[in-house]
Amino acid sequence: MNTVLSRANSLFAFSLSVMAALTFGCFITTAFKDRRVPVDIHVSKVMLKNVDDFTGPRERSDLGFITFDISADLQPIFDWNVKQLFLYLSAEYATKSNSLNQVVLWDKIVLRGESTKLNLRNMKSKYFFFDDGNGLRANKNITLMLSWNVVPNAGILPLVAGSGHISLPFPETYETTKSY
């Protein structure tokens, strides 16, 4: 005859197997969904300064300042398996010393149930836009793109780039003013 403990163990193991199968079923229903949406990015102001860099060698480095607008409707991304989105605006550019530089300038977390329409105006960089040298000055191709991580209830954590980016040139001269 089975003891109470062996019956409890069997019930627990069966329940765990059923929960694992249900979780996999939940994941598979949204695993192949396209999570890209159109994004509109507009840059209204670009400034460039040459400042002391206290994090590395005693050389001066370029520090960029960008004022931007972002518009996007994130509603199509959200479904029952999306807990939150981690949005971030990044800049990609090439210099003589590095073929690809990527810098995160701004980020935001959008939770399920919050407003999913992004309409941000005159936003400034949340993080410093430092280059490890002088690669920003007169750089003709700095690309800004909005990307996001989808944080699901069950499943993998996909990294998605929005369909829409902007490429802009940086100034050839440094600003000497104190304010941004």
Protein backbone atom coordinates (compact mmCIF):
# COMPACT_ATOMS: atom_id res chain seq x y z
CA MET A 1 0.00 0.00 0.00
CA ASN A 2 1.17 3.52 -0.72
CA THR A 3 1.95 5.81 2.15
CA VAL A 4 0.69 9.35 2.44
CA LEU A 5 4.15 10.70 1.61
CA SER A 6 4.50 8.66 -1.59
CA ARG A 7 1.02 9.74 -2.72
CA ALA A 8 1.85 13.38 -1.96
CA ASN A 9 5.12 12.99 -3.88
CA SER A 10 3.28 11.54 -6.90
CA LEU A 11 0.69 14.32 -6.81
CA PHE A 12 3.41 16.98 -6.54
CA ALA A 13 5.45 15.48 -9.42
CA PHE A 14 2.37 15.22 -11.64
CA SER A 15 1.34 18.81 -10.82
CA LEU A 16 4.85 20.03 -11.60
CA SER A 17 4.82 18.22 -14.95
CA VAL A 18 1.44 19.71 -15.87
CA MET A 19 2.61 23.22 -14.88
CA ALA A 20 5.77 22.84 -16.98
CA ALA A 21 3.70 21.74 -19.99
CA LEU A 22 1.27 24.65 -19.53
CA THR A 23 4.14 27.13 -19.20
CA PHE A 24 5.72 25.82 -22.40
CA GLY A 25 2.35 26.07 -24.14
CA CYS A 26 2.00 29.67 -22.98
CA PHE A 27 5.49 30.46 -24.27
CA ILE A 28 4.99 28.82 -27.67
CA THR A 29 1.78 30.79 -28.39
CA THR A 30 3.76 34.08 -28.47
CA ALA A 31 7.28 32.91 -29.33
CA PHE A 32 7.10 33.74 -33.04
CA LYS A 33 5.24 37.05 -32.82
CA ASP A 34 6.86 39.98 -34.63
CA ARG A 35 7.48 42.61 -31.97
CA ARG A 36 8.76 45.40 -34.23
CA VAL A 37 6.78 48.63 -34.49
CA PRO A 38 7.48 51.85 -36.41
CA VAL A 39 9.48 54.45 -34.49
CA ASP A 40 9.91 58.12 -35.38
CA ILE A 41 13.05 59.79 -34.01
CA HIS A 42 13.77 63.47 -34.60
CA VAL A 43 16.86 65.33 -33.36
CA SER A 44 16.45 69.04 -32.69
CA LYS A 45 19.84 69.96 -31.20
CA VAL A 46 23.36 68.54 -31.25
CA MET A 47 26.24 69.97 -29.22
CA LEU A 48 29.80 68.77 -28.84
CA LYS A 49 32.35 69.59 -26.16
CA ASN A 50 35.93 68.51 -25.60
CA VAL A 51 36.32 67.84 -21.87
CA ASP A 52 38.76 66.25 -19.46
CA ASP A 53 38.17 62.53 -19.16
CA PHE A 54 38.92 61.40 -15.62
CA THR A 55 38.08 57.75 -16.30
CA GLY A 56 41.07 56.92 -18.46
CA PRO A 57 44.26 58.48 -19.73
CA ARG A 58 44.89 62.14 -19.07
CA GLU A 59 43.68 63.12 -22.52
CA ARG A 60 40.58 65.10 -23.41
CA SER A 61 37.58 63.29 -24.87
CA ASP A 62 34.53 64.24 -26.88
CA LEU A 63 31.25 64.64 -25.01
CA GLY A 64 28.10 64.86 -27.10
CA PHE A 65 24.74 66.32 -26.11
CA ILE A 66 21.60 65.48 -28.06
CA THR A 67 18.05 66.81 -27.74
CA PHE A 68 15.56 64.48 -29.41
CA ASP A 69 11.89 63.59 -29.90
CA ILE A 70 10.56 60.02 -30.01
CA SER A 71 7.13 58.89 -31.20
CA ALA A 72 5.96 55.27 -31.23
CA ASP A 73 2.87 53.22 -30.50
CA LEU A 74 3.97 50.20 -28.47
CA GLN A 75 0.48 48.71 -28.06
CA PRO A 76 0.98 45.94 -30.71
CA ILE A 77 3.92 44.59 -28.69
CA PHE A 78 1.89 43.97 -25.55
CA ASP A 79 -0.07 40.76 -25.22
CA TRP A 80 -0.92 38.52 -22.29
CA ASN A 81 2.67 37.19 -22.10
CA VAL A 82 4.43 40.59 -21.87
CA LYS A 83 5.18 41.83 -18.37
CA GLN A 84 7.16 44.95 -19.32
CA LEU A 85 9.36 46.57 -21.97
CA PHE A 86 12.83 47.96 -21.36
CA LEU A 87 13.30 50.69 -23.99
CA TYR A 88 16.64 52.26 -24.78
CA LEU A 89 17.93 54.77 -27.33
CA SER A 90 21.42 53.99 -28.54
CA ALA A 91 23.92 55.70 -30.82
CA GLU A 92 26.07 53.69 -33.21
CA TYR A 93 29.06 55.11 -35.05
CA ALA A 94 32.49 54.20 -36.37
CA THR A 95 35.83 55.86 -35.61
CA LYS A 96 39.40 55.33 -36.76
CA SER A 97 40.20 53.21 -33.71
CA ASN A 98 36.90 51.23 -33.50
CA SER A 99 34.78 49.95 -36.36
CA LEU A 100 31.65 49.92 -34.18
CA ASN A 101 30.86 52.03 -31.13
CA GLN A 102 27.54 51.69 -29.32
CA VAL A 103 26.45 54.07 -26.56
CA VAL A 104 23.15 53.99 -24.66
CA LEU A 105 21.84 57.55 -24.32
CA TRP A 106 18.41 57.11 -22.74
CA ASP A 107 16.19 54.36 -21.33
CA LYS A 108 12.70 53.81 -19.93
CA ILE A 109 10.68 50.91 -18.52
CA VAL A 110 7.08 50.57 -19.71
CA LEU A 111 4.96 48.27 -17.55
CA ARG A 112 1.86 46.44 -18.71
CA GLY A 113 -1.16 48.64 -18.08
CA GLU A 114 0.74 51.91 -18.49
CA SER A 115 0.32 54.21 -21.48
CA THR A 116 1.90 52.53 -24.50
CA LYS A 117 1.97 55.59 -26.74
CA LEU A 118 5.38 57.25 -26.64
CA ASN A 119 5.24 60.92 -27.54
CA LEU A 120 8.35 62.39 -25.94
CA ARG A 121 9.45 65.91 -26.85
CA ASN A 122 12.70 67.78 -26.17
CA MET A 123 14.28 64.87 -24.32
CA LYS A 124 17.92 65.12 -23.35
CA SER A 125 20.39 62.28 -23.02
CA LYS A 126 19.99 60.49 -19.70
CA TYR A 127 23.55 59.15 -19.83
CA PHE A 128 26.80 60.79 -20.92
CA PHE A 129 27.65 60.44 -24.61
CA PHE A 130 31.43 60.07 -24.22
CA ASP A 131 33.78 58.90 -26.92
CA ASP A 132 37.12 57.47 -25.83
CA GLY A 133 39.02 60.04 -27.84
CA ASN A 134 37.94 62.55 -30.45
CA GLY A 135 35.76 60.35 -32.65
CA LEU A 136 32.58 62.41 -32.42
CA ARG A 137 33.88 65.66 -33.91
CA ALA A 138 33.00 65.90 -37.62
CA ASN A 139 31.63 62.35 -37.61
CA LYS A 140 29.14 62.30 -40.49
CA ASN A 141 27.26 59.12 -39.64
CA ILE A 142 25.99 58.73 -36.09
CA THR A 143 22.87 56.56 -36.09
CA LEU A 144 20.27 56.76 -33.33
CA MET A 145 17.94 53.80 -32.91
CA LEU A 146 15.30 52.80 -30.37
CA SER A 147 15.45 49.18 -29.24
CA TRP A 148 13.73 47.20 -26.51
CA ASN A 149 13.86 44.03 -24.48
CA VAL A 150 10.52 42.29 -24.07
CA VAL A 151 10.25 40.89 -20.54
CA PRO A 152 7.76 37.99 -20.77
CA ASN A 153 5.84 36.08 -18.13
CA ALA A 154 7.17 32.84 -19.63
CA GLY A 155 9.81 32.28 -22.29
CA ILE A 156 12.89 33.91 -23.75
CA LEU A 157 13.90 37.56 -23.44
CA PRO A 158 13.96 38.88 -27.02
CA LEU A 159 15.95 41.95 -28.08
CA VAL A 160 14.08 43.95 -30.73
CA ALA A 161 15.11 47.00 -32.75
CA GLY A 162 12.37 49.38 -33.81
CA SER A 163 11.80 49.92 -37.51
CA GLY A 164 12.98 53.49 -37.83
CA HIS A 165 16.26 55.22 -37.07
CA ILE A 166 17.98 58.49 -37.85
CA SER A 167 21.53 59.20 -38.99
CA LEU A 168 23.01 62.59 -38.28
CA PRO A 169 26.33 64.40 -38.57
CA PHE A 170 28.08 65.86 -35.55
CA PRO A 171 29.51 69.40 -35.63
CA GLU A 172 33.05 70.10 -36.75
CA THR A 173 33.69 72.57 -33.93
CA TYR A 174 33.44 72.32 -30.17
CA GLU A 175 31.04 74.39 -28.05
CA THR A 176 32.65 76.59 -25.43
CA THR A 177 29.52 77.49 -23.45
CA LYS A 178 28.96 76.13 -19.96
CA SER A 179 25.29 75.14 -20.34
CA TYR A 180 23.46 72.53 -22.35
